Amino acid sequence: MFVNHSNREKAAAAWAPEPPAWVKVLAEACDRTNQRAVADQLGKSGGYVSAASLPSSSRSSARTAPAAAVTVEGGMGSIVPLIM
């Protein structure tokens, strides 16, 4: 049986034991709308949002996360309304 986990659940698992606040905001915004809408609000691609909120062990994700934190924190004014 296929189980579709929320972005918040996926982020929590990927960033265990506790995701940073910016990851939680990003995941919640994606759950409320969709990844594409959040990416548009941040001026980024959907792939960028996915790589930022669900890091893997790849070097590209390791390089993306710090910049993504700055992007999301700087854009919180535009994405926070998506989660309210």
N, C-alpha and C. Protein backbone atom coordinates (compact mmCIF):
# COMPACT_ATOMS: atom_id res chain seq x y z
N MET A 1 0.84 -1.18 0.00
CA MET A 1 0.00 0.00 0.00
C MET A 1 0.89 1.25 0.00
N PHE A 2 0.55 2.20 -0.84
CA PHE A 2 1.30 3.45 -0.95
C PHE A 2 0.82 4.44 0.11
N VAL A 3 1.77 5.00 0.85
CA VAL A 3 1.45 6.01 1.86
C VAL A 3 2.07 7.31 1.41
N ASN A 4 1.26 8.33 1.27
CA ASN A 4 1.75 9.64 0.86
C ASN A 4 2.00 10.49 2.12
N HIS A 5 3.26 10.67 2.44
CA HIS A 5 3.61 11.45 3.63
C HIS A 5 3.62 12.93 3.30
N SER A 6 3.30 13.74 4.29
CA SER A 6 3.32 15.19 4.09
C SER A 6 4.76 15.68 3.95
N ASN A 7 4.90 16.85 3.40
CA ASN A 7 6.23 17.45 3.29
C ASN A 7 6.84 17.67 4.67
N ARG A 8 6.01 18.02 5.63
CA ARG A 8 6.51 18.21 7.00
C ARG A 8 7.05 16.89 7.56
N GLU A 9 6.35 15.79 7.32
CA GLU A 9 6.82 14.48 7.79
C GLU A 9 8.13 14.09 7.11
N LYS A 10 8.20 14.33 5.81
CA LYS A 10 9.41 14.01 5.06
C LYS A 10 10.59 14.85 5.53
N ALA A 11 10.34 16.14 5.77
CA ALA A 11 11.41 17.03 6.24
C ALA A 11 11.87 16.62 7.64
N ALA A 12 10.92 16.26 8.50
CA ALA A 12 11.28 15.85 9.85
C ALA A 12 12.17 14.61 9.82
N ALA A 13 11.85 13.67 8.94
CA ALA A 13 12.66 12.46 8.83
C ALA A 13 14.04 12.77 8.25
N ALA A 14 14.08 13.65 7.26
CA ALA A 14 15.35 13.98 6.61
C ALA A 14 16.27 14.80 7.50
N TRP A 15 15.69 15.61 8.36
CA TRP A 15 16.48 16.52 9.21
C TRP A 15 16.50 16.05 10.66
N ALA A 16 16.22 14.78 10.92
CA ALA A 16 16.18 14.27 12.29
C ALA A 16 17.45 14.62 13.05
N PRO A 17 17.36 14.93 14.32
CA PRO A 17 16.18 14.78 15.15
C PRO A 17 15.20 15.96 15.07
N GLU A 18 15.64 17.13 14.65
CA GLU A 18 14.74 18.28 14.60
C GLU A 18 15.12 19.20 13.44
N PRO A 19 14.20 19.42 12.50
CA PRO A 19 14.52 20.31 11.39
C PRO A 19 14.63 21.76 11.85
N PRO A 20 15.46 22.55 11.17
CA PRO A 20 15.54 23.97 11.49
C PRO A 20 14.19 24.65 11.23
N ALA A 21 13.97 25.78 11.84
CA ALA A 21 12.70 26.51 11.70
C ALA A 21 12.39 26.82 10.24
N TRP A 22 13.41 27.20 9.47
CA TRP A 22 13.14 27.57 8.07
C TRP A 22 12.67 26.37 7.26
N VAL A 23 13.14 25.16 7.61
CA VAL A 23 12.70 23.95 6.91
C VAL A 23 11.24 23.66 7.26
N LYS A 24 10.87 23.84 8.52
CA LYS A 24 9.49 23.63 8.93
C LYS A 24 8.54 24.56 8.19
N VAL A 25 8.92 25.84 8.10
CA VAL A 25 8.09 26.82 7.40
C VAL A 25 7.95 26.44 5.93
N LEU A 26 9.06 26.05 5.32
CA LEU A 26 9.06 25.66 3.92
C LEU A 26 8.16 24.44 3.69
N ALA A 27 8.30 23.43 4.52
CA ALA A 27 7.51 22.21 4.38
C ALA A 27 6.02 22.48 4.62
N GLU A 28 5.71 23.29 5.62
CA GLU A 28 4.31 23.61 5.90
C GLU A 28 3.68 24.38 4.75
N ALA A 29 4.45 25.31 4.18
CA ALA A 29 3.94 26.07 3.04
C ALA A 29 3.67 25.14 1.85
N CYS A 30 4.57 24.18 1.62
CA CYS A 30 4.37 23.21 0.54
C CYS A 30 3.15 22.34 0.80
N ASP A 31 2.92 21.98 2.06
CA ASP A 31 1.74 21.17 2.39
C ASP A 31 0.45 21.96 2.19
N ARG A 32 0.47 23.25 2.50
CA ARG A 32 -0.74 24.07 2.37
C ARG A 32 -1.09 24.35 0.92
N THR A 33 -0.09 24.56 0.10
CA THR A 33 -0.33 24.87 -1.32
C THR A 33 0.29 23.76 -2.13
N ASN A 34 1.44 24.01 -2.68
CA ASN A 34 2.23 22.99 -3.36
C ASN A 34 3.64 23.53 -3.56
N GLN A 35 4.52 22.63 -3.90
CA GLN A 35 5.94 22.98 -4.02
C GLN A 35 6.16 24.06 -5.09
N ARG A 36 5.43 23.97 -6.19
CA ARG A 36 5.59 24.94 -7.28
C ARG A 36 5.19 26.35 -6.83
N ALA A 37 4.09 26.46 -6.09
CA ALA A 37 3.63 27.77 -5.61
C ALA A 37 4.64 28.39 -4.66
N VAL A 38 5.20 27.58 -3.78
CA VAL A 38 6.20 28.06 -2.83
C VAL A 38 7.47 28.48 -3.58
N ALA A 39 7.88 27.66 -4.53
CA ALA A 39 9.06 27.98 -5.33
C ALA A 39 8.86 29.31 -6.06
N ASP A 40 7.68 29.50 -6.64
CA ASP A 40 7.39 30.76 -7.33
C ASP A 40 7.49 31.95 -6.38
N GLN A 41 6.97 31.80 -5.16
CA GLN A 41 7.03 32.88 -4.17
C GLN A 41 8.47 33.24 -3.81
N LEU A 42 9.35 32.24 -3.84
CA LEU A 42 10.75 32.46 -3.49
C LEU A 42 11.62 32.80 -4.70
N GLY A 43 11.03 32.72 -5.89
CA GLY A 43 11.80 32.98 -7.10
C GLY A 43 12.77 31.85 -7.42
N LYS A 44 12.42 30.64 -7.04
CA LYS A 44 13.27 29.47 -7.25
C LYS A 44 12.49 28.39 -7.99
N SER A 45 13.17 27.32 -8.35
CA SER A 45 12.52 26.19 -9.01
C SER A 45 11.97 25.21 -7.97
N GLY A 46 11.05 24.37 -8.42
CA GLY A 46 10.52 23.34 -7.54
C GLY A 46 11.60 22.38 -7.07
N GLY A 47 12.55 22.08 -7.96
CA GLY A 47 13.67 21.21 -7.59
C GLY A 47 14.53 21.81 -6.50
N TYR A 48 14.70 23.11 -6.54
CA TYR A 48 15.48 23.81 -5.52
C TYR A 48 14.79 23.67 -4.16
N VAL A 49 13.48 23.87 -4.15
CA VAL A 49 12.71 23.75 -2.90
C VAL A 49 12.80 22.32 -2.36
N SER A 50 12.69 21.35 -3.24
CA SER A 50 12.78 19.96 -2.82
C SER A 50 14.15 19.64 -2.25
N ALA A 51 15.20 20.05 -2.95
CA ALA A 51 16.57 19.77 -2.49
C ALA A 51 16.86 20.47 -1.16
N ALA A 52 16.29 21.64 -0.97
CA ALA A 52 16.53 22.39 0.26
C ALA A 52 15.83 21.76 1.46
N SER A 53 14.60 21.34 1.26
CA SER A 53 13.83 20.83 2.40
C SER A 53 14.08 19.36 2.69
N LEU A 54 14.57 18.62 1.69
CA LEU A 54 14.82 17.19 1.86
C LEU A 54 16.25 16.87 1.48
N PRO A 55 17.21 17.27 2.30
CA PRO A 55 18.61 17.07 1.93
C PRO A 55 18.97 15.59 1.90
N SER A 56 19.88 15.27 1.01
CA SER A 56 20.41 13.91 0.96
C SER A 56 21.88 13.98 1.33
N SER A 57 22.56 12.92 1.15
CA SER A 57 23.98 12.92 1.48
C SER A 57 24.83 13.48 0.34
N SER A 58 24.19 13.89 -0.73
CA SER A 58 24.95 14.38 -1.88
C SER A 58 25.59 15.73 -1.57
N ARG A 59 26.68 16.00 -2.24
CA ARG A 59 27.37 17.28 -2.03
C ARG A 59 26.53 18.46 -2.48
N SER A 60 25.74 18.27 -3.53
CA SER A 60 24.94 19.40 -4.01
C SER A 60 23.92 19.83 -2.96
N SER A 61 23.31 18.87 -2.26
CA SER A 61 22.37 19.23 -1.20
C SER A 61 23.09 19.91 -0.05
N ALA A 62 24.29 19.45 0.25
CA ALA A 62 25.05 20.06 1.34
C ALA A 62 25.39 21.51 1.00
N ARG A 63 25.63 21.79 -0.27
CA ARG A 63 25.92 23.17 -0.68
C ARG A 63 24.65 24.00 -0.75
N THR A 64 23.52 23.39 -1.09
CA THR A 64 22.27 24.11 -1.27
C THR A 64 21.66 24.56 0.05
N ALA A 65 21.75 23.74 1.08
CA ALA A 65 21.04 24.02 2.33
C ALA A 65 21.38 25.37 2.95
N PRO A 66 22.65 25.77 3.10
CA PRO A 66 22.92 27.08 3.71
C PRO A 66 22.34 28.25 2.90
N ALA A 67 22.47 28.18 1.60
CA ALA A 67 21.91 29.24 0.75
C ALA A 67 20.39 29.21 0.79
N ALA A 68 19.83 28.02 0.86
CA ALA A 68 18.37 27.89 0.93
C ALA A 68 17.84 28.49 2.22
N ALA A 69 18.57 28.30 3.30
CA ALA A 69 18.14 28.88 4.58
C ALA A 69 18.04 30.39 4.45
N VAL A 70 19.03 31.01 3.83
CA VAL A 70 19.02 32.46 3.64
C VAL A 70 17.85 32.86 2.73
N THR A 71 17.65 32.11 1.66
CA THR A 71 16.56 32.40 0.72
C THR A 71 15.20 32.30 1.40
N VAL A 72 14.98 31.22 2.14
CA VAL A 72 13.69 31.01 2.80
C VAL A 72 13.49 32.04 3.90
N GLU A 73 14.52 32.25 4.72
CA GLU A 73 14.37 33.24 5.80
C GLU A 73 14.12 34.63 5.23
N GLY A 74 14.78 34.95 4.12
CA GLY A 74 14.55 36.25 3.49
C GLY A 74 13.18 36.35 2.84
N GLY A 75 12.64 35.22 2.41
CA GLY A 75 11.35 35.21 1.75
C GLY A 75 10.20 34.81 2.64
N MET A 76 10.44 34.68 3.93
CA MET A 76 9.37 34.23 4.83
C MET A 76 8.16 35.14 4.78
N GLY A 77 8.39 36.41 4.54
CA GLY A 77 7.26 37.33 4.43
C GLY A 77 6.33 36.95 3.30
N SER A 78 6.89 36.35 2.25
CA SER A 78 6.04 35.96 1.11
C SER A 78 5.47 34.56 1.27
N ILE A 79 6.15 33.67 2.00
CA ILE A 79 5.60 32.31 2.09
C ILE A 79 4.81 32.06 3.38
N VAL A 80 5.04 32.84 4.42
CA VAL A 80 4.28 32.63 5.65
C VAL A 80 2.77 32.76 5.40
N PRO A 81 2.30 33.72 4.56
CA PRO A 81 0.85 33.74 4.30
C PRO A 81 0.34 32.45 3.67
N LEU A 82 1.20 31.68 3.02
CA LEU A 82 0.76 30.43 2.41
C LEU A 82 0.45 29.37 3.46
N ILE A 83 0.96 29.52 4.67
CA ILE A 83 0.69 28.52 5.70
C ILE A 83 -0.36 28.98 6.70
N MET A 84 -0.87 30.17 6.54
CA MET A 84 -1.88 30.68 7.47
C MET A 84 -3.28 30.53 6.92
